[in-house]
Amino acid sequence: MGIGEAQHLSDLRIVLMGYRAAGKSSTGNSILGREEFDLKRSAQCVRRHGGVADRHITVIEAPGWWRNYTVEDSPELLKQEIVLSVSLCPPGPHAVLLIIRVDTSFKEINQKSVQGHLDLLGERVWSHTIVLFTCGDSLLDTSIEQHTESEGQDLQSLLDKCGNRYHVLNNQNRSGHTQINELLDKIEETVAQNNGSHFEINRKFLKEIKERRRAEEERAEERMKRIKKRKDKHQITDE
């Protein structure tokens, strides 16, 4: 088999990224073929597994950011979850699916927002990223190429950064498996383009994030203990 030639992978690891209400949970359910992801928003990463088209698939959904927020506007805990998401399917995801709704316009602020949040993972993440357009049914008779051209430079520059890798998904139609099989094929092609390798975040950076998270959790636990102690003290005084 030649270099860069896609091969069938029996194990696939996928991370879903995107702004809030982009369709990440629905996409995860479409990939796995059943309702595994709760459509309610979560502040933490969610991991699910399933068997699809002779593959064992692990899907991680990272929490979303506000659509018009730059990465500087997003809370620290959200940014940490985005970084930690790629460590939840060791040794790392074969692809990061960047979820974007095709039925809403994509402006400069959206491009800055998306790029800033993905840049948290380092420059190498872009060679493993596929833009996944959701709400594909809204295109009607318009091709995705016509749509991206009509959206202008902001969307096109994002696609360029992803090596022009994209796929369209209609989350309302799960009866046919074609769109998911084609997506899995594109993920395998992306792996082949990366010489068979998955994405792996800088270990030193990941360790720093984990230590920072641990310290914050310990501080939060101490605060809860102090609050409980004060409450218990007041109860004793009242009695």
Foldseek 3Di string as FASTA:
>chain_A
DDFLDFDDDQEAEEEEAEAPPLCRQLVVCLLQVHNPGDNDFDLAKDWDWHGDPNHTYIYIYQGHHHQLDAPVRDDPSSLLRLQCRQVVPPPGGLAYEYGHELPDAQDQSNLRRSVRSVCSQPLVNLLRYEYEYEQLVVCPPPDVVNSQVVSDDSSVVSCVSNVVHYAYDYSVDSPDCVRSVVVSSSSSSSCSVVRNDGDHGDPVVNVVSVVVVVVVVVVVVVVVVVVVVVVVVVVVVVD
